[in-house]
Amino acid sequence: MKKGAVKKEAKQTSALAISSLVLSLIFFIPLLSVVAIILGIVALFKISKNKSLKGKGFAIAGIVIGVVVTIGYIIAAVAIITVFMPAINAANTLNPQEAMNFCLAEQSYVRDFCIFIALSSHIENLDAFDPAICDQYVSEGELKSMCNAILRNDKTYCEQITDPDSRMQCFGLLDELASQGS
């Protein structure tokens, strides 16, 4: 070491900053982005007060990504509420014919969902629905099969569903329908 040179201390990366960045990248779990924002802010304060800590870039990245992901979740929630909630409310509160008329006036991506909800909401009164409603108006294949299974109380439509979870849900709905009828 040269005479008069000051020995530099090795800086340690802030665990909070790293945690902020990692949690912000796990965007598929809601609310982790909010935790990432909080951890990033705390990390920035600690780094600014403790000169032996580094990781400001990690903290800032965690905050920025966390904010973007949180805004994305908020936009998605607002979109779902504004698009699907009127269909759910109509299907649950109107009589079967009014509910179906409301559903048929919806855009195609909401119509499929609305028809399914209307049938499910009026499961005790399925005779009030046109037997061809699923085939005529539901465009998504597996939802069409589930719609027909409920409307016709026929498990063979459930067997056409390729997604195992959806197929089990279909069988479960028909079992529930059978138990209500007995």
C-alpha atoms as a PDB file:
ATOM      1  CA  MET A   1       0.000   0.000   0.000  1.00  0.00           C
ATOM      2  CA  LYS A   2       1.313   3.467  -0.880  1.00  0.00           C
ATOM      3  CA  LYS A   3       2.221   5.864   1.857  1.00  0.00           C
ATOM      4  CA  GLY A   4      -0.698   8.207   2.640  1.00  0.00           C
ATOM      5  CA  ALA A   5      -3.265   6.081   0.744  1.00  0.00           C
ATOM      6  CA  VAL A   6      -6.558   5.450   2.504  1.00  0.00           C
ATOM      7  CA  LYS A   7      -7.812   1.897   2.564  1.00  0.00           C
ATOM      8  CA  LYS A   8     -11.291   1.679   0.981  1.00  0.00           C
ATOM      9  CA  GLU A   9     -13.884  -0.372   2.788  1.00  0.00           C
ATOM     10  CA  ALA A  10     -15.715  -2.930   0.697  1.00  0.00           C
ATOM     11  CA  LYS A  11     -19.350  -1.953   0.360  1.00  0.00           C
ATOM     12  CA  GLN A  12     -22.039  -4.514   0.987  1.00  0.00           C
ATOM     13  CA  THR A  13     -25.090  -4.647  -1.296  1.00  0.00           C
ATOM     14  CA  SER A  14     -28.323  -3.914   0.549  1.00  0.00           C
ATOM     15  CA  ALA A  15     -30.432  -7.026   1.039  1.00  0.00           C
ATOM     16  CA  LEU A  16     -33.527  -4.811   0.977  1.00  0.00           C
ATOM     17  CA  ALA A  17     -32.553  -3.435  -2.435  1.00  0.00           C
ATOM     18  CA  ILE A  18     -32.021  -6.927  -3.838  1.00  0.00           C
ATOM     19  CA  SER A  19     -35.296  -8.118  -2.282  1.00  0.00           C
ATOM     20  CA  SER A  20     -37.118  -5.162  -3.814  1.00  0.00           C
ATOM     21  CA  LEU A  21     -35.869  -6.023  -7.281  1.00  0.00           C
ATOM     22  CA  VAL A  22     -36.561  -9.752  -6.949  1.00  0.00           C
ATOM     23  CA  LEU A  23     -40.090  -9.244  -5.594  1.00  0.00           C
ATOM     24  CA  SER A  24     -40.891  -6.730  -8.327  1.00  0.00           C
ATOM     25  CA  LEU A  25     -39.976  -9.367 -10.916  1.00  0.00           C
ATOM     26  CA  ILE A  26     -42.417 -11.885  -9.421  1.00  0.00           C
ATOM     27  CA  PHE A  27     -45.251  -9.955 -11.050  1.00  0.00           C
ATOM     28  CA  PHE A  28     -47.658 -12.890 -11.334  1.00  0.00           C
ATOM     29  CA  ILE A  29     -48.359 -12.793  -7.576  1.00  0.00           C
ATOM     30  CA  PRO A  30     -50.569  -9.790  -6.814  1.00  0.00           C
ATOM     31  CA  LEU A  31     -49.431  -7.373  -4.104  1.00  0.00           C
ATOM     32  CA  LEU A  32     -45.770  -8.455  -4.207  1.00  0.00           C
ATOM     33  CA  SER A  33     -45.158  -5.411  -6.376  1.00  0.00           C
ATOM     34  CA  VAL A  34     -46.445  -3.184  -3.559  1.00  0.00           C
ATOM     35  CA  VAL A  35     -44.090  -4.925  -1.126  1.00  0.00           C
ATOM     36  CA  ALA A  36     -41.268  -4.388  -3.651  1.00  0.00           C
ATOM     37  CA  ILE A  37     -42.025  -0.661  -3.775  1.00  0.00           C
ATOM     38  CA  ILE A  38     -41.967  -0.389   0.007  1.00  0.00           C
ATOM     39  CA  LEU A  39     -38.735  -2.379   0.326  1.00  0.00           C
ATOM     40  CA  GLY A  40     -37.122  -0.293  -2.417  1.00  0.00           C
ATOM     41  CA  ILE A  41     -37.990   2.963  -0.675  1.00  0.00           C
ATOM     42  CA  VAL A  42     -36.714   1.675   2.679  1.00  0.00           C
ATOM     43  CA  ALA A  43     -33.527   0.442   0.954  1.00  0.00           C
ATOM     44  CA  LEU A  44     -32.926   3.864  -0.610  1.00  0.00           C
ATOM     45  CA  PHE A  45     -33.201   5.555   2.787  1.00  0.00           C
ATOM     46  CA  LYS A  46     -30.864   3.031   4.425  1.00  0.00           C
ATOM     47  CA  ILE A  47     -28.326   3.266   1.578  1.00  0.00           C
ATOM     48  CA  SER A  48     -28.328   7.066   1.754  1.00  0.00           C
ATOM     49  CA  LYS A  49     -27.663   6.987   5.529  1.00  0.00           C
ATOM     50  CA  ASN A  50     -25.141   4.137   5.579  1.00  0.00           C
ATOM     51  CA  LYS A  51     -22.098   4.735   3.365  1.00  0.00           C
ATOM     52  CA  SER A  52     -21.031   1.080   3.669  1.00  0.00           C
ATOM     53  CA  LEU A  53     -24.127  -0.027   1.710  1.00  0.00           C
ATOM     54  CA  LYS A  54     -24.602  -0.071  -2.047  1.00  0.00           C
ATOM     55  CA  GLY A  55     -27.472  -1.194  -4.266  1.00  0.00           C
ATOM     56  CA  LYS A  56     -29.196   2.066  -5.110  1.00  0.00           C
ATOM     57  CA  GLY A  57     -29.742   0.856  -8.686  1.00  0.00           C
ATOM     58  CA  PHE A  58     -31.376  -2.371  -7.468  1.00  0.00           C
ATOM     59  CA  ALA A  59     -33.689  -0.389  -5.191  1.00  0.00           C
ATOM     60  CA  ILE A  60     -34.654   2.065  -7.928  1.00  0.00           C
ATOM     61  CA  ALA A  61     -35.260  -0.776 -10.397  1.00  0.00           C
ATOM     62  CA  GLY A  62     -37.418  -2.575  -7.815  1.00  0.00           C
ATOM     63  CA  ILE A  63     -39.451   0.573  -7.216  1.00  0.00           C
ATOM     64  CA  VAL A  64     -39.930   1.340 -10.918  1.00  0.00           C
ATOM     65  CA  ILE A  65     -40.865  -2.224 -11.875  1.00  0.00           C
ATOM     66  CA  GLY A  66     -43.098  -2.468  -8.802  1.00  0.00           C
ATOM     67  CA  VAL A  67     -44.933   0.733  -9.766  1.00  0.00           C
ATOM     68  CA  VAL A  68     -45.398  -0.419 -13.372  1.00  0.00           C
ATOM     69  CA  VAL A  69     -46.726  -3.827 -12.263  1.00  0.00           C
ATOM     70  CA  THR A  70     -49.039  -2.243  -9.669  1.00  0.00           C
ATOM     71  CA  ILE A  71     -50.423   0.160 -12.273  1.00  0.00           C
ATOM     72  CA  GLY A  72     -50.958  -2.828 -14.582  1.00  0.00           C
ATOM     73  CA  TYR A  73     -52.935  -4.646 -11.885  1.00  0.00           C
ATOM     74  CA  ILE A  74     -55.036  -1.542 -11.257  1.00  0.00           C
ATOM     75  CA  ILE A  75     -55.787  -1.121 -14.965  1.00  0.00           C
ATOM     76  CA  ALA A  76     -56.705  -4.814 -15.257  1.00  0.00           C
ATOM     77  CA  ALA A  77     -58.981  -4.623 -12.210  1.00  0.00           C
ATOM     78  CA  VAL A  78     -60.756  -1.530 -13.528  1.00  0.00           C
ATOM     79  CA  ALA A  79     -61.183  -3.169 -16.937  1.00  0.00           C
ATOM     80  CA  ILE A  80     -62.615  -6.335 -15.421  1.00  0.00           C
ATOM     81  CA  ILE A  81     -64.961  -4.377 -13.172  1.00  0.00           C
ATOM     82  CA  THR A  82     -66.225  -2.093 -15.934  1.00  0.00           C
ATOM     83  CA  VAL A  83     -66.561  -4.833 -18.556  1.00  0.00           C
ATOM     84  CA  PHE A  84     -67.729  -7.888 -16.634  1.00  0.00           C
ATOM     85  CA  MET A  85     -69.566  -6.548 -13.566  1.00  0.00           C
ATOM     86  CA  PRO A  86     -72.599  -5.242 -15.501  1.00  0.00           C
ATOM     87  CA  ALA A  87     -72.968  -8.689 -17.090  1.00  0.00           C
ATOM     88  CA  ILE A  88     -72.693 -10.425 -13.720  1.00  0.00           C
ATOM     89  CA  ASN A  89     -75.214  -8.057 -12.141  1.00  0.00           C
ATOM     90  CA  ALA A  90     -77.689  -8.449 -14.996  1.00  0.00           C
ATOM     91  CA  ALA A  91     -77.349 -12.227 -15.033  1.00  0.00           C
ATOM     92  CA  ASN A  92     -77.931 -12.408 -11.282  1.00  0.00           C
ATOM     93  CA  THR A  93     -80.725  -9.857 -10.859  1.00  0.00           C
ATOM     94  CA  LEU A  94     -82.887 -10.069 -13.980  1.00  0.00           C
ATOM     95  CA  ASN A  95     -85.325 -12.833 -14.827  1.00  0.00           C
ATOM     96  CA  PRO A  96     -83.974 -15.466 -17.256  1.00  0.00           C
ATOM     97  CA  GLN A  97     -85.374 -13.841 -20.421  1.00  0.00           C
ATOM     98  CA  GLU A  98     -84.223 -10.323 -19.482  1.00  0.00           C
ATOM     99  CA  ALA A  99     -80.806 -11.646 -18.467  1.00  0.00           C
ATOM    100  CA  MET A 100     -80.399 -13.446 -21.780  1.00  0.00           C
ATOM    101  CA  ASN A 101     -81.531 -10.365 -23.753  1.00  0.00           C
ATOM    102  CA  PHE A 102     -78.921  -8.317 -21.873  1.00  0.00           C
ATOM    103  CA  CYS A 103     -76.242 -10.923 -22.620  1.00  0.00           C
ATOM    104  CA  LEU A 104     -77.054 -11.119 -26.319  1.00  0.00           C
ATOM    105  CA  ALA A 105     -76.603  -7.352 -26.621  1.00  0.00           C
ATOM    106  CA  GLU A 106     -73.050  -7.578 -25.214  1.00  0.00           C
ATOM    107  CA  GLN A 107     -69.853  -7.763 -27.277  1.00  0.00           C
ATOM    108  CA  SER A 108     -68.744 -11.290 -28.134  1.00  0.00           C
ATOM    109  CA  TYR A 109     -65.979 -11.624 -25.513  1.00  0.00           C
ATOM    110  CA  VAL A 110     -68.409 -10.604 -22.765  1.00  0.00           C
ATOM    111  CA  ARG A 111     -71.433 -12.376 -24.285  1.00  0.00           C
ATOM    112  CA  ASP A 112     -69.992 -15.892 -23.799  1.00  0.00           C
ATOM    113  CA  PHE A 113     -69.234 -15.184 -20.157  1.00  0.00           C
ATOM    114  CA  CYS A 114     -72.588 -13.455 -19.589  1.00  0.00           C
ATOM    115  CA  ILE A 115     -74.602 -16.354 -21.054  1.00  0.00           C
ATOM    116  CA  PHE A 116     -72.731 -18.816 -18.847  1.00  0.00           C
ATOM    117  CA  ILE A 117     -73.338 -16.662 -15.746  1.00  0.00           C
ATOM    118  CA  ALA A 118     -77.038 -16.239 -16.654  1.00  0.00           C
ATOM    119  CA  LEU A 119     -77.466 -20.016 -16.939  1.00  0.00           C
ATOM    120  CA  SER A 120     -75.591 -20.607 -13.695  1.00  0.00           C
ATOM    121  CA  SER A 121     -77.626 -17.928 -11.891  1.00  0.00           C
ATOM    122  CA  HIS A 122     -80.922 -19.402 -13.064  1.00  0.00           C
ATOM    123  CA  ILE A 123     -79.948 -23.043 -12.805  1.00  0.00           C
ATOM    124  CA  GLU A 124     -83.268 -23.856 -11.121  1.00  0.00           C
ATOM    125  CA  ASN A 125     -85.140 -22.487 -14.167  1.00  0.00           C
ATOM    126  CA  LEU A 126     -83.184 -23.754 -17.189  1.00  0.00           C
ATOM    127  CA  ASP A 127     -86.394 -24.465 -19.105  1.00  0.00           C
ATOM    128  CA  ALA A 128     -86.772 -20.686 -19.545  1.00  0.00           C
ATOM    129  CA  PHE A 129     -83.773 -20.615 -21.898  1.00  0.00           C
ATOM    130  CA  ASP A 130     -83.698 -21.388 -25.608  1.00  0.00           C
ATOM    131  CA  PRO A 131     -82.076 -24.848 -25.943  1.00  0.00           C
ATOM    132  CA  ALA A 132     -79.960 -23.617 -28.877  1.00  0.00           C
ATOM    133  CA  ILE A 133     -78.593 -20.530 -27.073  1.00  0.00           C
ATOM    134  CA  CYS A 134     -75.161 -22.057 -26.422  1.00  0.00           C
ATOM    135  CA  ASP A 135     -74.662 -23.302 -29.971  1.00  0.00           C
ATOM    136  CA  GLN A 136     -75.911 -20.080 -31.552  1.00  0.00           C
ATOM    137  CA  TYR A 137     -74.213 -17.449 -29.405  1.00  0.00           C
ATOM    138  CA  VAL A 138     -71.288 -18.866 -27.407  1.00  0.00           C
ATOM    139  CA  SER A 139     -68.159 -18.756 -29.558  1.00  0.00           C
ATOM    140  CA  GLU A 140     -65.442 -20.094 -27.201  1.00  0.00           C
ATOM    141  CA  GLY A 141     -65.333 -23.900 -27.630  1.00  0.00           C
ATOM    142  CA  GLU A 142     -64.838 -25.132 -24.076  1.00  0.00           C
ATOM    143  CA  LEU A 143     -67.248 -22.576 -22.642  1.00  0.00           C
ATOM    144  CA  LYS A 144     -69.762 -23.659 -25.293  1.00  0.00           C
ATOM    145  CA  SER A 145     -69.382 -27.273 -24.138  1.00  0.00           C
ATOM    146  CA  MET A 146     -69.835 -26.272 -20.491  1.00  0.00           C
ATOM    147  CA  CYS A 147     -72.829 -24.100 -21.414  1.00  0.00           C
ATOM    148  CA  ASN A 148     -74.480 -27.012 -23.261  1.00  0.00           C
ATOM    149  CA  ALA A 149     -73.669 -29.417 -20.426  1.00  0.00           C
ATOM    150  CA  ILE A 150     -75.484 -27.183 -17.936  1.00  0.00           C
ATOM    151  CA  LEU A 151     -78.361 -26.258 -20.224  1.00  0.00           C
ATOM    152  CA  ARG A 152     -79.005 -29.860 -21.283  1.00  0.00           C
ATOM    153  CA  ASN A 153     -77.815 -31.509 -18.044  1.00  0.00           C
ATOM    154  CA  ASP A 154     -75.630 -33.803 -20.139  1.00  0.00           C
ATOM    155  CA  LYS A 155     -72.147 -34.921 -19.019  1.00  0.00           C
ATOM    156  CA  THR A 156     -71.087 -35.900 -22.528  1.00  0.00           C
ATOM    157  CA  TYR A 157     -70.487 -32.200 -23.206  1.00  0.00           C
ATOM    158  CA  CYS A 158     -68.112 -32.098 -20.225  1.00  0.00           C
ATOM    159  CA  GLU A 159     -66.118 -34.947 -21.765  1.00  0.00           C
ATOM    160  CA  GLN A 160     -65.401 -32.736 -24.814  1.00  0.00           C
ATOM    161  CA  ILE A 161     -63.519 -30.209 -22.665  1.00  0.00           C
ATOM    162  CA  THR A 162     -59.749 -30.659 -22.999  1.00  0.00           C
ATOM    163  CA  ASP A 163     -58.611 -28.576 -20.012  1.00  0.00           C
ATOM    164  CA  PRO A 164     -58.660 -30.959 -17.003  1.00  0.00           C
ATOM    165  CA  ASP A 165     -59.616 -28.253 -14.482  1.00  0.00           C
ATOM    166  CA  SER A 166     -62.464 -26.962 -16.655  1.00  0.00           C
ATOM    167  CA  ARG A 167     -63.650 -30.517 -17.313  1.00  0.00           C
ATOM    168  CA  MET A 168     -63.746 -31.260 -13.563  1.00  0.00           C
ATOM    169  CA  GLN A 169     -65.557 -27.975 -12.943  1.00  0.00           C
ATOM    170  CA  CYS A 170     -68.129 -28.952 -15.567  1.00  0.00           C
ATOM    171  CA  PHE A 171     -68.736 -32.344 -13.938  1.00  0.00           C
ATOM    172  CA  GLY A 172     -68.944 -30.618 -10.550  1.00  0.00           C
ATOM    173  CA  LEU A 173     -71.570 -28.161 -11.810  1.00  0.00           C
ATOM    174  CA  LEU A 174     -73.656 -31.020 -13.176  1.00  0.00           C
ATOM    175  CA  ASP A 175     -73.332 -32.942  -9.906  1.00  0.00           C
ATOM    176  CA  GLU A 176     -74.497 -29.827  -8.066  1.00  0.00           C
ATOM    177  CA  LEU A 177     -77.398 -29.470 -10.511  1.00  0.00           C
ATOM    178  CA  ALA A 178     -78.353 -33.117  -9.909  1.00  0.00           C
ATOM    179  CA  SER A 179     -78.230 -32.681  -6.134  1.00  0.00           C
ATOM    180  CA  GLN A 180     -80.504 -29.624  -6.338  1.00  0.00           C
ATOM    181  CA  GLY A 181     -83.009 -31.595  -8.365  1.00  0.00           C
ATOM    182  CA  SER A 182     -83.218 -34.441  -5.843  1.00  0.00           C
END
